[in-house]
Amino acid sequence: MIEVVAPDIMSSSGCNKRRRTAADTLHISDLPIGFIADVSAYLSKPSRAILAVAFSASASSSSWKNNNNHLSDISAAIVSAQQWDILDFEDIEKELANKLTDDDIYAVLKCINAQDMLKRLKLCGCVNITGIGLYPLQGSVVLEQIDLSLVGRHENFFIDPEPKISVVAVVSILDNIISADGCSLNHIQFRQKWAFLALDVQEMNYLQDFVRRLSYSAPGGI
């Protein structure tokens, strides 16, 4: 009679199985930089910029405001592989654009060096920003067009609930841009609703004063 002895699978695997540690975990940043940069080329520009921010030295968008952040090698590779003259947030899912904050926009603009590179900016769907995230554009002499309507092509300009964007926050930054020597800004698309209602007296006066200054400062008028 042949005696068959079955192996103790549980105890055997327990002896051979090594506890996984953090060192065993493969992170996306462990992939070759060139590979990540090549893959990012298939993303829309806003998605690519957001990815570059995520790969930066700190994942916290707010750290960019304190100048405590710099591009990692991966972020630099992603950014350098693309021309950043145009940034249109209509190119990403509206659900994502709706969630972006001023810190997110600030980080994206700093990451792509928007002050020196960006010529056209469209903030379609960015209903969660007040406008202070546009601060990195201050002093830009290359920005030519900015669309603050927050709506896409063929969309109704009435948004419910009303976006957070602030006349005062936006105009203070635009004022700085048009005051710069060599200003190239020639087109501003404001929220159309601002022309009809939803502004208090102070905001309306602030906007009207800015528009008057535009007629003198902007190249050829706006």
Protein backbone atom coordinates (compact mmCIF):
# COMPACT_ATOMS: atom_id res chain seq x y z
CA MET A 1 0.00 0.00 0.00
CA ILE A 2 1.36 3.33 -1.03
CA GLU A 3 1.08 6.07 1.54
CA VAL A 4 0.31 9.47 0.09
CA VAL A 5 1.31 12.41 2.19
CA ALA A 6 -0.32 15.69 1.09
CA PRO A 7 1.77 18.82 1.62
CA ASP A 8 0.54 21.32 4.17
CA ILE A 9 -0.23 24.12 1.72
CA MET A 10 -1.03 26.70 4.37
CA SER A 11 2.08 26.17 6.43
CA SER A 12 4.25 25.89 3.35
CA SER A 13 3.06 29.13 1.86
CA GLY A 14 3.35 30.77 5.22
CA CYS A 15 7.03 29.87 5.38
CA ASN A 16 7.85 31.02 1.88
CA LYS A 17 5.68 34.10 1.71
CA ARG A 18 7.60 37.24 2.64
CA ARG A 19 5.84 40.19 4.21
CA ARG A 20 5.44 43.01 1.69
CA THR A 21 7.12 46.23 2.65
CA ALA A 22 6.99 49.76 1.27
CA ALA A 23 10.19 48.99 -0.64
CA ASP A 24 8.35 46.28 -2.59
CA THR A 25 5.63 48.65 -3.83
CA LEU A 26 6.07 50.01 -7.34
CA HIS A 27 5.08 53.66 -7.62
CA ILE A 28 4.29 55.36 -10.90
CA SER A 29 7.18 57.74 -10.27
CA ASP A 30 9.52 54.74 -10.45
CA LEU A 31 8.81 54.44 -14.18
CA PRO A 32 11.34 55.96 -16.60
CA ILE A 33 10.90 59.73 -16.92
CA GLY A 34 10.84 59.57 -20.72
CA PHE A 35 8.07 56.99 -20.62
CA ILE A 36 5.88 59.14 -18.35
CA ALA A 37 6.51 62.21 -20.51
CA ASP A 38 5.57 60.27 -23.66
CA VAL A 39 2.37 58.94 -22.07
CA SER A 40 1.40 62.43 -20.87
CA ALA A 41 1.48 63.61 -24.49
CA TYR A 42 -1.81 61.76 -25.02
CA LEU A 43 -3.53 63.90 -22.39
CA SER A 44 -5.18 67.26 -22.96
CA LYS A 45 -3.08 70.27 -21.98
CA PRO A 46 -4.94 71.00 -18.73
CA SER A 47 -4.70 67.32 -17.70
CA ARG A 48 -1.01 67.34 -18.56
CA ALA A 49 -0.41 70.43 -16.43
CA ILE A 50 -2.36 68.94 -13.51
CA LEU A 51 -0.26 65.77 -13.82
CA ALA A 52 2.94 67.81 -13.76
CA VAL A 53 1.75 69.53 -10.57
CA ALA A 54 1.03 66.12 -9.03
CA PHE A 55 4.59 64.99 -9.81
CA SER A 56 6.15 68.16 -8.43
CA ALA A 57 8.21 68.27 -5.27
CA SER A 58 5.07 68.60 -3.17
CA ALA A 59 1.60 67.34 -3.97
CA SER A 60 0.08 70.30 -2.12
CA SER A 61 -1.16 72.96 -4.52
CA SER A 62 -1.06 75.59 -1.78
CA SER A 63 2.72 75.15 -1.39
CA TRP A 64 3.18 76.88 -4.76
CA LYS A 65 1.89 80.13 -3.24
CA ASN A 66 4.67 80.18 -0.70
CA ASN A 67 7.32 79.51 -3.35
CA ASN A 68 8.12 76.31 -1.49
CA ASN A 69 7.71 74.17 -4.56
CA HIS A 70 9.76 73.43 -7.62
CA LEU A 71 9.46 71.07 -10.55
CA SER A 72 10.65 67.54 -10.08
CA ASP A 73 12.55 65.93 -12.94
CA ILE A 74 9.34 64.19 -14.03
CA SER A 75 7.30 67.42 -13.88
CA ALA A 76 9.96 69.28 -15.85
CA ALA A 77 9.92 66.56 -18.53
CA ILE A 78 6.13 66.72 -18.83
CA VAL A 79 6.11 70.52 -19.07
CA SER A 80 9.04 70.79 -21.48
CA ALA A 81 7.41 68.36 -23.91
CA GLN A 82 4.61 70.79 -24.67
CA GLN A 83 4.04 74.33 -25.93
CA TRP A 84 2.00 76.29 -23.36
CA ASP A 85 0.75 79.20 -25.44
CA ILE A 86 -2.88 78.01 -25.11
CA LEU A 87 -4.63 76.52 -22.07
CA ASP A 88 -8.32 75.71 -22.50
CA PHE A 89 -10.12 74.00 -19.62
CA GLU A 90 -12.92 73.02 -21.97
CA ASP A 91 -10.54 70.23 -23.00
CA ILE A 92 -11.09 68.36 -19.74
CA GLU A 93 -14.19 66.77 -18.24
CA LYS A 94 -16.55 69.39 -16.86
CA GLU A 95 -16.87 67.46 -13.60
CA LEU A 96 -13.13 67.86 -13.03
CA ALA A 97 -13.08 71.53 -14.06
CA ASN A 98 -15.95 72.21 -11.62
CA LYS A 99 -13.82 70.91 -8.73
CA LEU A 100 -10.68 72.94 -9.42
CA THR A 101 -9.86 75.54 -6.77
CA ASP A 102 -7.84 78.76 -6.88
CA ASP A 103 -4.90 76.82 -5.41
CA ASP A 104 -5.15 74.32 -8.28
CA ILE A 105 -5.23 77.03 -10.95
CA TYR A 106 -2.38 78.88 -9.24
CA ALA A 107 -0.24 75.72 -9.17
CA VAL A 108 -0.96 74.92 -12.82
CA LEU A 109 -0.08 78.45 -13.99
CA LYS A 110 3.14 78.48 -11.96
CA CYS A 111 4.05 74.98 -13.15
CA ILE A 112 3.84 75.92 -16.85
CA ASN A 113 5.46 79.34 -16.31
CA ALA A 114 2.29 81.00 -17.60
CA GLN A 115 3.60 84.51 -16.98
CA ASP A 116 6.15 84.07 -19.77
CA MET A 117 4.47 81.43 -21.93
CA LEU A 118 0.68 81.63 -21.93
CA LYS A 119 -1.04 83.65 -24.66
CA ARG A 120 -4.62 82.38 -24.42
CA LEU A 121 -6.46 81.16 -21.33
CA LYS A 122 -10.02 79.87 -21.19
CA LEU A 123 -11.43 78.91 -17.80
CA CYS A 124 -14.43 76.95 -19.02
CA GLY A 125 -16.13 75.07 -16.19
CA CYS A 126 -13.93 76.52 -13.43
CA VAL A 127 -16.94 77.60 -11.36
CA ASN A 128 -15.24 76.95 -8.02
CA ILE A 129 -12.61 79.69 -8.30
CA THR A 130 -12.77 83.29 -7.13
CA GLY A 131 -10.03 84.40 -9.50
CA ILE A 132 -7.16 84.88 -7.03
CA GLY A 133 -5.59 81.76 -8.53
CA LEU A 134 -4.77 83.86 -11.61
CA TYR A 135 -2.11 85.71 -9.63
CA PRO A 136 0.82 84.06 -11.52
CA LEU A 137 -0.30 85.97 -14.62
CA GLN A 138 0.55 89.32 -13.05
CA GLY A 139 3.15 91.18 -15.06
CA SER A 140 2.62 89.04 -18.16
CA VAL A 141 3.40 90.78 -21.43
CA VAL A 142 2.61 87.73 -23.58
CA LEU A 143 -1.01 87.07 -22.54
CA GLU A 144 -3.28 88.08 -25.42
CA GLN A 145 -6.68 86.58 -24.59
CA ILE A 146 -8.45 85.51 -21.42
CA ASP A 147 -11.95 84.06 -21.21
CA LEU A 148 -13.59 84.41 -17.80
CA SER A 149 -17.10 83.52 -18.97
CA LEU A 150 -16.67 80.02 -17.43
CA VAL A 151 -18.89 78.51 -20.12
CA GLY A 152 -18.06 76.47 -23.18
CA ARG A 153 -19.03 76.98 -26.79
CA HIS A 154 -22.82 77.12 -27.32
CA GLU A 155 -23.49 76.96 -23.55
CA ASN A 156 -25.94 79.20 -21.73
CA PHE A 157 -24.04 81.86 -19.79
CA PHE A 158 -26.43 81.55 -16.83
CA ILE A 159 -24.86 79.08 -14.39
CA ASP A 160 -26.74 77.65 -11.43
CA PRO A 161 -25.56 77.87 -8.74
CA GLU A 162 -23.80 81.14 -9.41
CA PRO A 163 -20.00 80.69 -9.71
CA LYS A 164 -17.68 82.02 -7.01
CA ILE A 165 -15.65 84.20 -9.38
CA SER A 166 -15.13 87.70 -7.99
CA VAL A 167 -15.03 90.95 -9.96
CA VAL A 168 -12.61 92.49 -7.47
CA ALA A 169 -10.21 89.51 -7.48
CA VAL A 170 -10.13 89.25 -11.27
CA VAL A 171 -9.92 92.97 -12.05
CA SER A 172 -7.05 93.56 -9.61
CA ILE A 173 -4.96 90.99 -11.50
CA LEU A 174 -6.01 92.22 -14.94
CA ASP A 175 -5.18 95.77 -13.85
CA ASN A 176 -1.63 94.67 -13.12
CA ILE A 177 -1.35 93.03 -16.55
CA ILE A 178 -2.54 96.04 -18.55
CA SER A 179 -0.22 98.30 -16.56
CA ALA A 180 2.87 96.38 -17.63
CA ASP A 181 5.06 97.87 -20.35
CA GLY A 182 4.61 95.87 -23.54
CA CYS A 183 1.19 94.49 -22.56
CA SER A 184 -0.23 92.24 -25.32
CA LEU A 185 -3.72 91.69 -23.89
CA ASN A 186 -6.29 92.44 -26.58
CA HIS A 187 -9.32 90.34 -25.64
CA ILE A 188 -11.12 89.79 -22.32
CA GLN A 189 -14.34 87.81 -22.10
CA PHE A 190 -16.06 88.60 -18.81
CA ARG A 191 -19.02 86.78 -17.30
CA GLN A 192 -21.88 87.95 -19.49
CA LYS A 193 -24.18 87.92 -16.50
CA TRP A 194 -22.11 90.75 -15.01
CA ALA A 195 -23.50 93.01 -17.72
CA PHE A 196 -27.09 92.27 -16.73
CA LEU A 197 -27.28 91.73 -12.97
CA ALA A 198 -25.65 90.01 -9.99
CA LEU A 199 -23.25 92.89 -9.26
CA ASP A 200 -23.63 95.30 -6.38
CA VAL A 201 -22.96 99.00 -6.88
CA GLN A 202 -19.36 98.78 -5.67
CA GLU A 203 -18.56 95.86 -7.97
CA MET A 204 -20.21 97.54 -10.95
CA ASN A 205 -18.24 100.76 -10.38
CA TYR A 206 -15.04 98.73 -10.00
CA LEU A 207 -15.68 96.96 -13.30
CA GLN A 208 -16.66 100.12 -15.16
CA ASP A 209 -13.57 101.96 -13.94
CA PHE A 210 -11.42 99.08 -15.17
CA VAL A 211 -13.09 99.08 -18.60
CA ARG A 212 -12.38 102.80 -18.91
CA ARG A 213 -8.73 102.23 -18.08
CA LEU A 214 -8.64 99.49 -20.71
CA SER A 215 -9.57 101.91 -23.45
CA TYR A 216 -6.40 103.86 -22.71
CA SER A 217 -4.00 101.06 -21.78
CA ALA A 218 -4.76 98.13 -24.07
CA PRO A 219 -3.16 97.87 -27.53
CA GLY A 220 -5.84 99.03 -29.95
CA GLY A 221 -8.55 98.70 -27.28
CA ILE A 222 -10.30 95.56 -26.16
